[in-house]
Amino acid sequence: MLLPNPIKQSNQSPLLVVVMGVSGTGKTTLATEIAKHFDIEFLDADSLHSEDAIKQMSQGIPLTDTLRLPWIKRICRQLRQFEAQNISCVLAYSGLKQQHRELIFNAYHHALGILLKANQSILAQRLQARRNHFMSPQLLSSQIAAMEPLSNEMAQLTLNVNVVDTVDQLLLQSVDFINLHHHANT
């Protein structure tokens, strides 16, 4: 059984929870469930990609930092707007580059990170089965290679996803982590 919702209490600062991982880890699914559980805003970073970036990734061509930066700026702008409105948010975001993660996390005064990791063969199977998504399975190797280690400067949880994990199991671990660290920062 999941705990009550401590995030939406009006006397607390808004919270940003960033669910990160390469394609196929289930970050959007988990982030959506976390947002539902806490009844807070969900934002999918993929929804803020430009048409050119989506076209390039659909063709199996990785984004360069030059193409990625305007996307990061759009995400940060939306997050700063949410925080200014006192809205807590769960963001599904790949989080490949440390410098970009810093920009994202600095959009809120209080932020937590959850990194999803999985074996490359599991991810490849998931991407092959996925429909209606622009990310080409060909980009998996480049994403794994581009994923920079997380810094130890912020509260973060790493979940190793395997074929037997259910979304509910990952959600429970995430909710426990969020409750523990959100209370510590308020």
N, C-alpha and C. Protein backbone atom coordinates (compact mmCIF):
# COMPACT_ATOMS: atom_id res chain seq x y z
N MET A 1 0.84 -1.19 0.00
CA MET A 1 0.00 0.00 0.00
C MET A 1 0.88 1.24 0.00
N LEU A 2 0.52 2.22 -0.83
CA LEU A 2 1.31 3.42 -0.96
C LEU A 2 0.93 4.45 0.11
N LEU A 3 1.89 5.29 0.42
CA LEU A 3 1.72 6.29 1.47
C LEU A 3 0.88 7.46 1.00
N PRO A 4 0.34 8.26 1.93
CA PRO A 4 -0.43 9.44 1.54
C PRO A 4 0.45 10.47 0.82
N ASN A 5 -0.18 11.45 0.25
CA ASN A 5 0.49 12.42 -0.61
C ASN A 5 1.03 13.62 0.17
N PRO A 6 2.35 13.67 0.43
CA PRO A 6 2.90 14.80 1.16
C PRO A 6 3.28 15.97 0.25
N ILE A 7 3.28 15.77 -1.06
CA ILE A 7 3.83 16.77 -1.96
C ILE A 7 2.87 17.94 -2.19
N LYS A 8 1.59 17.69 -2.20
CA LYS A 8 0.65 18.75 -2.58
C LYS A 8 0.21 19.63 -1.41
N GLN A 9 0.83 19.48 -0.27
CA GLN A 9 0.49 20.35 0.85
C GLN A 9 0.92 21.77 0.50
N SER A 10 0.03 22.73 0.70
CA SER A 10 0.26 24.09 0.22
C SER A 10 1.42 24.80 0.91
N ASN A 11 1.83 24.35 2.08
CA ASN A 11 2.90 25.04 2.80
C ASN A 11 4.28 24.57 2.38
N GLN A 12 4.38 23.67 1.43
CA GLN A 12 5.67 23.14 1.00
C GLN A 12 6.05 23.68 -0.37
N SER A 13 7.35 23.82 -0.58
CA SER A 13 7.86 24.25 -1.89
C SER A 13 7.54 23.19 -2.93
N PRO A 14 7.35 23.61 -4.18
CA PRO A 14 7.10 22.61 -5.22
C PRO A 14 8.33 21.72 -5.42
N LEU A 15 8.09 20.51 -5.85
CA LEU A 15 9.14 19.52 -6.03
C LEU A 15 9.21 19.09 -7.48
N LEU A 16 10.43 18.93 -7.99
CA LEU A 16 10.67 18.36 -9.31
C LEU A 16 11.26 16.98 -9.10
N VAL A 17 10.64 15.97 -9.70
CA VAL A 17 11.19 14.61 -9.72
C VAL A 17 11.53 14.31 -11.17
N VAL A 18 12.80 14.01 -11.44
CA VAL A 18 13.25 13.74 -12.80
C VAL A 18 13.52 12.25 -12.91
N VAL A 19 12.75 11.57 -13.76
CA VAL A 19 12.94 10.14 -14.02
C VAL A 19 13.73 10.03 -15.31
N MET A 20 14.96 9.47 -15.18
CA MET A 20 15.92 9.47 -16.29
C MET A 20 16.26 8.05 -16.72
N GLY A 21 16.81 7.95 -17.92
CA GLY A 21 17.28 6.68 -18.45
C GLY A 21 17.27 6.73 -19.96
N VAL A 22 18.00 5.82 -20.56
CA VAL A 22 18.02 5.74 -22.02
C VAL A 22 16.66 5.21 -22.51
N SER A 23 16.47 5.22 -23.80
CA SER A 23 15.22 4.74 -24.39
C SER A 23 14.95 3.29 -23.99
N GLY A 24 13.70 3.03 -23.66
CA GLY A 24 13.29 1.67 -23.35
C GLY A 24 13.35 1.28 -21.89
N THR A 25 13.85 2.17 -21.02
CA THR A 25 13.95 1.83 -19.60
C THR A 25 12.60 1.92 -18.90
N GLY A 26 11.64 2.60 -19.50
CA GLY A 26 10.33 2.74 -18.88
C GLY A 26 10.17 4.03 -18.10
N LYS A 27 10.98 5.02 -18.41
CA LYS A 27 10.93 6.27 -17.65
C LYS A 27 9.59 7.00 -17.81
N THR A 28 9.03 7.00 -18.99
CA THR A 28 7.75 7.69 -19.18
C THR A 28 6.64 6.97 -18.42
N THR A 29 6.64 5.66 -18.46
CA THR A 29 5.63 4.87 -17.74
C THR A 29 5.75 5.12 -16.24
N LEU A 30 6.96 5.03 -15.70
CA LEU A 30 7.14 5.24 -14.26
C LEU A 30 6.82 6.68 -13.87
N ALA A 31 7.30 7.64 -14.65
CA ALA A 31 7.04 9.06 -14.33
C ALA A 31 5.54 9.35 -14.33
N THR A 32 4.82 8.77 -15.28
CA THR A 32 3.37 8.96 -15.34
C THR A 32 2.71 8.40 -14.07
N GLU A 33 3.14 7.24 -13.64
CA GLU A 33 2.57 6.62 -12.43
C GLU A 33 2.91 7.42 -11.17
N ILE A 34 4.12 7.95 -11.10
CA ILE A 34 4.49 8.78 -9.95
C ILE A 34 3.62 10.03 -9.92
N ALA A 35 3.45 10.67 -11.08
CA ALA A 35 2.61 11.87 -11.16
C ALA A 35 1.17 11.57 -10.75
N LYS A 36 0.65 10.44 -11.20
CA LYS A 36 -0.72 10.04 -10.80
C LYS A 36 -0.80 9.80 -9.30
N HIS A 37 0.18 9.09 -8.76
CA HIS A 37 0.16 8.77 -7.34
C HIS A 37 0.12 10.03 -6.48
N PHE A 38 0.96 11.00 -6.82
CA PHE A 38 1.04 12.22 -6.02
C PHE A 38 0.09 13.31 -6.51
N ASP A 39 -0.64 13.04 -7.59
CA ASP A 39 -1.56 14.00 -8.19
C ASP A 39 -0.84 15.31 -8.50
N ILE A 40 0.27 15.18 -9.23
CA ILE A 40 1.04 16.35 -9.64
C ILE A 40 1.24 16.32 -11.15
N GLU A 41 1.79 17.38 -11.68
CA GLU A 41 1.98 17.55 -13.12
C GLU A 41 2.97 16.52 -13.67
N PHE A 42 2.69 16.02 -14.87
CA PHE A 42 3.62 15.15 -15.59
C PHE A 42 4.07 15.90 -16.84
N LEU A 43 5.38 15.85 -17.10
CA LEU A 43 5.91 16.45 -18.32
C LEU A 43 6.83 15.43 -18.99
N ASP A 44 6.56 15.16 -20.26
CA ASP A 44 7.41 14.27 -21.05
C ASP A 44 8.35 15.16 -21.87
N ALA A 45 9.64 15.10 -21.58
CA ALA A 45 10.61 15.94 -22.29
C ALA A 45 10.55 15.69 -23.79
N ASP A 46 10.24 14.48 -24.21
CA ASP A 46 10.16 14.17 -25.64
C ASP A 46 9.13 15.05 -26.36
N SER A 47 8.10 15.49 -25.63
CA SER A 47 7.06 16.31 -26.26
C SER A 47 7.58 17.70 -26.63
N LEU A 48 8.76 18.07 -26.14
CA LEU A 48 9.31 19.39 -26.41
C LEU A 48 10.43 19.37 -27.46
N HIS A 49 10.65 18.22 -28.10
CA HIS A 49 11.64 18.14 -29.19
C HIS A 49 11.12 18.90 -30.41
N SER A 50 12.03 19.47 -31.18
CA SER A 50 11.65 20.13 -32.43
C SER A 50 11.33 19.08 -33.48
N GLU A 51 10.63 19.50 -34.52
CA GLU A 51 10.32 18.57 -35.62
C GLU A 51 11.59 18.06 -36.28
N ASP A 52 12.59 18.94 -36.41
CA ASP A 52 13.86 18.52 -37.02
C ASP A 52 14.55 17.45 -36.19
N ALA A 53 14.54 17.61 -34.87
CA ALA A 53 15.18 16.63 -33.99
C ALA A 53 14.45 15.28 -34.06
N ILE A 54 13.13 15.34 -34.06
CA ILE A 54 12.34 14.10 -34.15
C ILE A 54 12.62 13.38 -35.47
N LYS A 55 12.67 14.15 -36.55
CA LYS A 55 12.95 13.57 -37.87
C LYS A 55 14.33 12.90 -37.87
N GLN A 56 15.32 13.58 -37.30
CA GLN A 56 16.68 13.05 -37.26
C GLN A 56 16.74 11.76 -36.44
N MET A 57 16.12 11.76 -35.26
CA MET A 57 16.14 10.56 -34.42
C MET A 57 15.37 9.42 -35.06
N SER A 58 14.28 9.74 -35.77
CA SER A 58 13.50 8.71 -36.47
C SER A 58 14.34 7.99 -37.52
N GLN A 59 15.32 8.71 -38.06
CA GLN A 59 16.20 8.14 -39.07
C GLN A 59 17.41 7.44 -38.46
N GLY A 60 17.45 7.37 -37.13
CA GLY A 60 18.55 6.68 -36.46
C GLY A 60 19.80 7.51 -36.30
N ILE A 61 19.67 8.84 -36.44
CA ILE A 61 20.82 9.75 -36.31
C ILE A 61 20.77 10.41 -34.93
N PRO A 62 21.81 10.21 -34.11
CA PRO A 62 21.79 10.81 -32.77
C PRO A 62 21.83 12.33 -32.84
N LEU A 63 21.26 12.97 -31.83
CA LEU A 63 21.30 14.43 -31.75
C LEU A 63 22.69 14.89 -31.33
N THR A 64 23.09 16.01 -31.87
CA THR A 64 24.33 16.66 -31.42
C THR A 64 23.96 17.57 -30.24
N ASP A 65 24.96 18.02 -29.51
CA ASP A 65 24.71 18.96 -28.43
C ASP A 65 24.10 20.26 -28.96
N THR A 66 24.47 20.65 -30.16
CA THR A 66 23.92 21.86 -30.77
C THR A 66 22.41 21.72 -30.98
N LEU A 67 21.96 20.55 -31.43
CA LEU A 67 20.53 20.31 -31.62
C LEU A 67 19.82 20.07 -30.29
N ARG A 68 20.54 19.55 -29.31
CA ARG A 68 19.94 19.21 -28.03
C ARG A 68 19.70 20.45 -27.15
N LEU A 69 20.56 21.47 -27.25
CA LEU A 69 20.49 22.61 -26.36
C LEU A 69 19.17 23.39 -26.43
N PRO A 70 18.62 23.69 -27.61
CA PRO A 70 17.32 24.39 -27.63
C PRO A 70 16.22 23.58 -26.94
N TRP A 71 16.30 22.25 -27.05
CA TRP A 71 15.35 21.36 -26.38
C TRP A 71 15.48 21.51 -24.87
N ILE A 72 16.70 21.49 -24.38
CA ILE A 72 16.95 21.64 -22.95
C ILE A 72 16.40 22.99 -22.46
N LYS A 73 16.61 24.03 -23.26
CA LYS A 73 16.11 25.36 -22.89
C LYS A 73 14.59 25.37 -22.82
N ARG A 74 13.91 24.68 -23.75
CA ARG A 74 12.44 24.61 -23.72
C ARG A 74 11.97 23.88 -22.45
N ILE A 75 12.65 22.79 -22.11
CA ILE A 75 12.29 22.04 -20.90
C ILE A 75 12.46 22.93 -19.68
N CYS A 76 13.59 23.60 -19.57
CA CYS A 76 13.86 24.47 -18.42
C CYS A 76 12.84 25.60 -18.31
N ARG A 77 12.49 26.19 -19.45
CA ARG A 77 11.50 27.26 -19.45
C ARG A 77 10.17 26.76 -18.88
N GLN A 78 9.74 25.58 -19.32
CA GLN A 78 8.47 25.02 -18.83
C GLN A 78 8.58 24.71 -17.34
N LEU A 79 9.70 24.13 -16.91
CA LEU A 79 9.86 23.80 -15.49
C LEU A 79 9.88 25.05 -14.62
N ARG A 80 10.59 26.10 -15.05
CA ARG A 80 10.61 27.34 -14.26
C ARG A 80 9.22 27.94 -14.15
N GLN A 81 8.45 27.82 -15.23
CA GLN A 81 7.06 28.31 -15.19
C GLN A 81 6.25 27.52 -14.16
N PHE A 82 6.39 26.19 -14.17
CA PHE A 82 5.69 25.37 -13.17
C PHE A 82 6.09 25.77 -11.76
N GLU A 83 7.39 25.92 -11.52
CA GLU A 83 7.81 26.26 -10.16
C GLU A 83 7.28 27.63 -9.75
N ALA A 84 7.29 28.59 -10.66
CA ALA A 84 6.77 29.92 -10.35
C ALA A 84 5.28 29.86 -9.99
N GLN A 85 4.58 28.89 -10.55
CA GLN A 85 3.15 28.70 -10.26
C GLN A 85 2.94 27.77 -9.07
N ASN A 86 4.03 27.37 -8.39
CA ASN A 86 3.98 26.48 -7.23
C ASN A 86 3.43 25.10 -7.60
N ILE A 87 3.81 24.62 -8.78
CA ILE A 87 3.35 23.33 -9.28
C ILE A 87 4.48 22.32 -9.19
N SER A 88 4.27 21.23 -8.49
CA SER A 88 5.23 20.13 -8.47
C SER A 88 5.10 19.34 -9.76
N CYS A 89 6.20 18.73 -10.19
CA CYS A 89 6.22 18.09 -11.51
C CYS A 89 7.09 16.84 -11.49
N VAL A 90 6.69 15.86 -12.29
CA VAL A 90 7.51 14.70 -12.58
C VAL A 90 7.87 14.79 -14.07
N LEU A 91 9.17 14.79 -14.34
CA LEU A 91 9.67 14.93 -15.69
C LEU A 91 10.27 13.61 -16.15
N ALA A 92 9.83 13.10 -17.29
CA ALA A 92 10.47 11.95 -17.95
C ALA A 92 11.46 12.54 -18.94
N TYR A 93 12.76 12.24 -18.71
CA TYR A 93 13.82 12.91 -19.46
C TYR A 93 15.03 11.99 -19.51
N SER A 94 15.63 11.82 -20.67
CA SER A 94 16.75 10.88 -20.80
C SER A 94 17.91 11.21 -19.88
N GLY A 95 18.28 12.46 -19.75
CA GLY A 95 19.33 12.86 -18.83
C GLY A 95 20.70 12.35 -19.19
N LEU A 96 21.04 12.35 -20.46
CA LEU A 96 22.31 11.76 -20.89
C LEU A 96 23.52 12.57 -20.45
N LYS A 97 23.43 13.88 -20.52
CA LYS A 97 24.59 14.75 -20.30
C LYS A 97 24.51 15.47 -18.96
N GLN A 98 25.62 15.43 -18.22
CA GLN A 98 25.68 16.05 -16.90
C GLN A 98 25.36 17.54 -16.95
N GLN A 99 25.94 18.27 -17.90
CA GLN A 99 25.71 19.71 -17.96
C GLN A 99 24.24 20.03 -18.22
N HIS A 100 23.55 19.20 -19.00
CA HIS A 100 22.12 19.42 -19.26
C HIS A 100 21.29 19.06 -18.03
N ARG A 101 21.67 17.98 -17.34
CA ARG A 101 20.96 17.62 -16.10
C ARG A 101 21.03 18.75 -15.09
N GLU A 102 22.20 19.38 -14.98
CA GLU A 102 22.35 20.49 -14.03
C GLU A 102 21.37 21.61 -14.35
N LEU A 103 21.22 21.95 -15.62
CA LEU A 103 20.26 22.99 -16.02
C LEU A 103 18.84 22.58 -15.63
N ILE A 104 18.50 21.33 -15.92
CA ILE A 104 17.15 20.82 -15.62
C ILE A 104 16.90 20.86 -14.11
N PHE A 105 17.82 20.31 -13.33
CA PHE A 105 17.62 20.25 -11.88
C PHE A 105 17.60 21.63 -11.24
N ASN A 106 18.33 22.58 -11.81
CA ASN A 106 18.36 23.93 -11.26
C ASN A 106 17.11 24.75 -11.59
N ALA A 107 16.21 24.19 -12.39
CA ALA A 107 14.96 24.89 -12.70
C ALA A 107 14.04 24.96 -11.48
N TYR A 108 14.25 24.07 -10.50
CA TYR A 108 13.47 24.06 -9.25
C TYR A 108 14.43 24.19 -8.08
N HIS A 109 13.93 24.72 -6.99
CA HIS A 109 14.74 24.78 -5.76
C HIS A 109 14.89 23.40 -5.13
N HIS A 110 13.86 22.56 -5.27
CA HIS A 110 13.88 21.21 -4.70
C HIS A 110 13.68 20.20 -5.83
N ALA A 111 14.70 19.37 -6.04
CA ALA A 111 14.64 18.38 -7.12
C ALA A 111 15.25 17.06 -6.67
N LEU A 112 14.67 15.98 -7.18
CA LEU A 112 15.16 14.62 -6.93
C LEU A 112 15.32 13.91 -8.27
N GLY A 113 16.25 12.98 -8.32
CA GLY A 113 16.46 12.23 -9.55
C GLY A 113 16.28 10.74 -9.34
N ILE A 114 15.67 10.09 -10.31
CA ILE A 114 15.53 8.64 -10.33
C ILE A 114 16.08 8.16 -11.67
N LEU A 115 17.12 7.33 -11.61
CA LEU A 115 17.74 6.81 -12.82
C LEU A 115 17.34 5.36 -13.00
N LEU A 116 16.81 5.06 -14.17
CA LEU A 116 16.45 3.68 -14.52
C LEU A 116 17.55 3.11 -15.41
N LYS A 117 18.03 1.93 -15.03
CA LYS A 117 19.05 1.24 -15.81
C LYS A 117 18.54 -0.15 -16.14
N ALA A 118 18.99 -0.68 -17.27
CA ALA A 118 18.62 -2.04 -17.65
C ALA A 118 19.69 -2.60 -18.58
N ASN A 119 19.71 -3.90 -18.67
CA ASN A 119 20.60 -4.60 -19.57
C ASN A 119 20.25 -4.21 -21.01
N GLN A 120 21.27 -4.05 -21.85
CA GLN A 120 21.03 -3.60 -23.23
C GLN A 120 20.13 -4.56 -24.00
N SER A 121 20.20 -5.86 -23.73
CA SER A 121 19.35 -6.80 -24.48
C SER A 121 17.87 -6.61 -24.10
N ILE A 122 17.60 -6.32 -22.85
CA ILE A 122 16.22 -6.04 -22.41
C ILE A 122 15.71 -4.78 -23.10
N LEU A 123 16.56 -3.76 -23.13
CA LEU A 123 16.17 -2.49 -23.76
C LEU A 123 15.91 -2.68 -25.25
N ALA A 124 16.75 -3.44 -25.90
CA ALA A 124 16.58 -3.68 -27.34
C ALA A 124 15.25 -4.38 -27.61
N GLN A 125 14.90 -5.38 -26.78
CA GLN A 125 13.61 -6.07 -26.94
C GLN A 125 12.45 -5.10 -26.76
N ARG A 126 12.54 -4.26 -25.74
CA ARG A 126 11.47 -3.29 -25.49
C ARG A 126 11.32 -2.32 -26.66
N LEU A 127 12.43 -1.84 -27.18
CA LEU A 127 12.36 -0.88 -28.28
C LEU A 127 11.81 -1.52 -29.55
N GLN A 128 12.14 -2.79 -29.80
CA GLN A 128 11.60 -3.49 -30.97
C GLN A 128 10.09 -3.65 -30.86
N ALA A 129 9.60 -3.83 -29.63
CA ALA A 129 8.16 -4.05 -29.41
C ALA A 129 7.37 -2.74 -29.38
N ARG A 130 8.06 -1.63 -29.21
CA ARG A 130 7.39 -0.34 -29.04
C ARG A 130 6.83 0.17 -30.36
N ARG A 131 5.66 0.73 -30.30
CA ARG A 131 5.00 1.31 -31.48
C ARG A 131 4.74 2.79 -31.23
N ASN A 132 4.61 3.53 -32.32
CA ASN A 132 4.22 4.95 -32.26
C ASN A 132 5.19 5.80 -31.45
N HIS A 133 6.48 5.54 -31.58
CA HIS A 133 7.48 6.39 -30.94
C HIS A 133 8.56 6.68 -31.97
N PHE A 134 9.01 7.94 -31.99
CA PHE A 134 9.96 8.36 -33.01
C PHE A 134 11.37 7.82 -32.79
N MET A 135 11.72 7.43 -31.57
CA MET A 135 13.09 7.02 -31.28
C MET A 135 13.42 5.71 -31.98
N SER A 136 14.41 5.76 -32.84
CA SER A 136 14.83 4.57 -33.57
C SER A 136 15.60 3.63 -32.64
N PRO A 137 15.30 2.32 -32.69
CA PRO A 137 16.08 1.36 -31.88
C PRO A 137 17.57 1.41 -32.20
N GLN A 138 17.93 1.91 -33.39
CA GLN A 138 19.33 2.03 -33.77
C GLN A 138 20.11 2.98 -32.85
N LEU A 139 19.40 3.87 -32.16
CA LEU A 139 20.05 4.88 -31.32
C LEU A 139 20.40 4.38 -29.93
N LEU A 140 19.98 3.17 -29.59
CA LEU A 140 20.20 2.67 -28.23
C LEU A 140 21.68 2.67 -27.85
N SER A 141 22.53 2.13 -28.70
CA SER A 141 23.96 2.07 -28.40
C SER A 141 24.55 3.46 -28.20
N SER A 142 24.14 4.40 -29.05
CA SER A 142 24.69 5.76 -28.92
C SER A 142 24.19 6.43 -27.63
N GLN A 143 22.96 6.13 -27.23
CA GLN A 143 22.46 6.68 -25.97
C GLN A 143 23.20 6.10 -24.78
N ILE A 144 23.42 4.80 -24.79
CA ILE A 144 24.15 4.16 -23.69
C ILE A 144 25.57 4.74 -23.61
N ALA A 145 26.21 4.93 -24.76
CA ALA A 145 27.56 5.49 -24.78
C ALA A 145 27.58 6.95 -24.31
N ALA A 146 26.51 7.68 -24.59
CA ALA A 146 26.46 9.11 -24.24
C ALA A 146 26.06 9.35 -22.79
N MET A 147 25.49 8.33 -22.11
CA MET A 147 25.02 8.52 -20.73
C MET A 147 26.20 8.75 -19.80
N GLU A 148 26.29 9.97 -19.28
CA GLU A 148 27.35 10.33 -18.35
C GLU A 148 26.91 9.97 -16.93
N PRO A 149 27.86 9.59 -16.07
CA PRO A 149 27.49 9.21 -14.70
C PRO A 149 26.83 10.38 -13.96
N LEU A 150 25.94 10.04 -13.04
CA LEU A 150 25.29 11.06 -12.23
C LEU A 150 26.27 11.57 -11.18
N SER A 151 26.15 12.84 -10.85
CA SER A 151 26.99 13.39 -9.78
C SER A 151 26.37 13.02 -8.44
N ASN A 152 27.14 13.11 -7.40
CA ASN A 152 26.64 12.79 -6.06
C ASN A 152 26.12 14.02 -5.33
N GLU A 153 25.90 15.11 -6.04
CA GLU A 153 25.53 16.36 -5.41
C GLU A 153 24.04 16.45 -5.07
N MET A 154 23.25 15.54 -5.54
CA MET A 154 21.81 15.63 -5.31
C MET A 154 21.24 14.29 -4.89
N ALA A 155 20.06 14.33 -4.30
CA ALA A 155 19.40 13.09 -3.90
C ALA A 155 18.97 12.33 -5.16
N GLN A 156 19.37 11.07 -5.23
CA GLN A 156 19.04 10.28 -6.40
C GLN A 156 18.87 8.82 -6.03
N LEU A 157 18.05 8.16 -6.80
CA LEU A 157 17.79 6.74 -6.64
C LEU A 157 18.08 6.08 -7.98
N THR A 158 18.83 4.98 -7.95
CA THR A 158 19.08 4.21 -9.16
C THR A 158 18.32 2.90 -9.05
N LEU A 159 17.48 2.62 -10.03
CA LEU A 159 16.71 1.39 -10.07
C LEU A 159 17.18 0.56 -11.26
N ASN A 160 17.61 -0.65 -10.99
CA ASN A 160 17.99 -1.56 -12.06
C ASN A 160 16.76 -2.36 -12.49
N VAL A 161 16.31 -2.10 -13.69
CA VAL A 161 15.09 -2.70 -14.22
C VAL A 161 15.43 -4.04 -14.87
N ASN A 162 14.65 -5.06 -14.53
CA ASN A 162 14.82 -6.34 -15.22
C ASN A 162 13.46 -6.81 -15.70
N VAL A 163 13.43 -7.93 -16.38
CA VAL A 163 12.19 -8.38 -17.01
C VAL A 163 11.09 -8.72 -16.01
N VAL A 164 11.43 -9.03 -14.78
CA VAL A 164 10.39 -9.42 -13.82
C VAL A 164 9.87 -8.24 -13.00
N ASP A 165 10.53 -7.09 -13.06
CA ASP A 165 10.04 -5.93 -12.32
C ASP A 165 8.71 -5.45 -12.89
N THR A 166 7.79 -5.15 -12.00
CA THR A 166 6.54 -4.55 -12.44
C THR A 166 6.60 -3.05 -12.20
N VAL A 167 5.75 -2.31 -12.88
CA VAL A 167 5.67 -0.87 -12.67
C VAL A 167 5.31 -0.59 -11.21
N ASP A 168 4.43 -1.40 -10.63
CA ASP A 168 4.05 -1.19 -9.23
C ASP A 168 5.24 -1.33 -8.29
N GLN A 169 6.13 -2.29 -8.56
CA GLN A 169 7.32 -2.45 -7.70
C GLN A 169 8.23 -1.22 -7.82
N LEU A 170 8.44 -0.76 -9.03
CA LEU A 170 9.28 0.42 -9.24
C LEU A 170 8.62 1.67 -8.65
N LEU A 171 7.30 1.75 -8.77
CA LEU A 171 6.57 2.88 -8.20
C LEU A 171 6.70 2.91 -6.69
N LEU A 172 6.55 1.78 -6.05
CA LEU A 172 6.65 1.72 -4.59
C LEU A 172 8.04 2.18 -4.12
N GLN A 173 9.09 1.69 -4.77
CA GLN A 173 10.44 2.12 -4.41
C GLN A 173 10.61 3.62 -4.64
N SER A 174 10.06 4.13 -5.73
CA SER A 174 10.17 5.55 -6.06
C SER A 174 9.42 6.41 -5.05
N VAL A 175 8.22 6.00 -4.70
CA VAL A 175 7.40 6.75 -3.74
C VAL A 175 8.09 6.80 -2.37
N ASP A 176 8.64 5.67 -1.93
CA ASP A 176 9.37 5.65 -0.66
C ASP A 176 10.54 6.63 -0.70
N PHE A 177 11.30 6.62 -1.79
CA PHE A 177 12.44 7.52 -1.95
C PHE A 177 11.98 8.99 -1.94
N ILE A 178 10.93 9.29 -2.69
CA ILE A 178 10.43 10.67 -2.78
C ILE A 178 9.94 11.14 -1.41
N ASN A 179 9.15 10.31 -0.74
CA ASN A 179 8.66 10.70 0.59
C ASN A 179 9.80 10.95 1.56
N LEU A 180 10.78 10.08 1.56
CA LEU A 180 11.91 10.22 2.46
C LEU A 180 12.68 11.52 2.20
N HIS A 181 12.99 11.79 0.94
CA HIS A 181 13.82 12.95 0.62
C HIS A 181 13.04 14.25 0.55
N HIS A 182 11.77 14.18 0.22
CA HIS A 182 10.98 15.42 0.19
C HIS A 182 10.80 15.96 1.61
N HIS A 183 10.57 15.09 2.56
CA HIS A 183 10.44 15.54 3.96
C HIS A 183 11.74 16.15 4.45
N ALA A 184 12.86 15.61 4.01
CA ALA A 184 14.16 16.12 4.45
C ALA A 184 14.43 17.52 3.92
N ASN A 185 13.78 17.89 2.80
CA ASN A 185 14.06 19.20 2.17
C ASN A 185 13.00 20.24 2.47
N THR A 186 12.01 19.93 3.26
CA THR A 186 10.96 20.92 3.52
C THR A 186 11.05 21.50 4.90
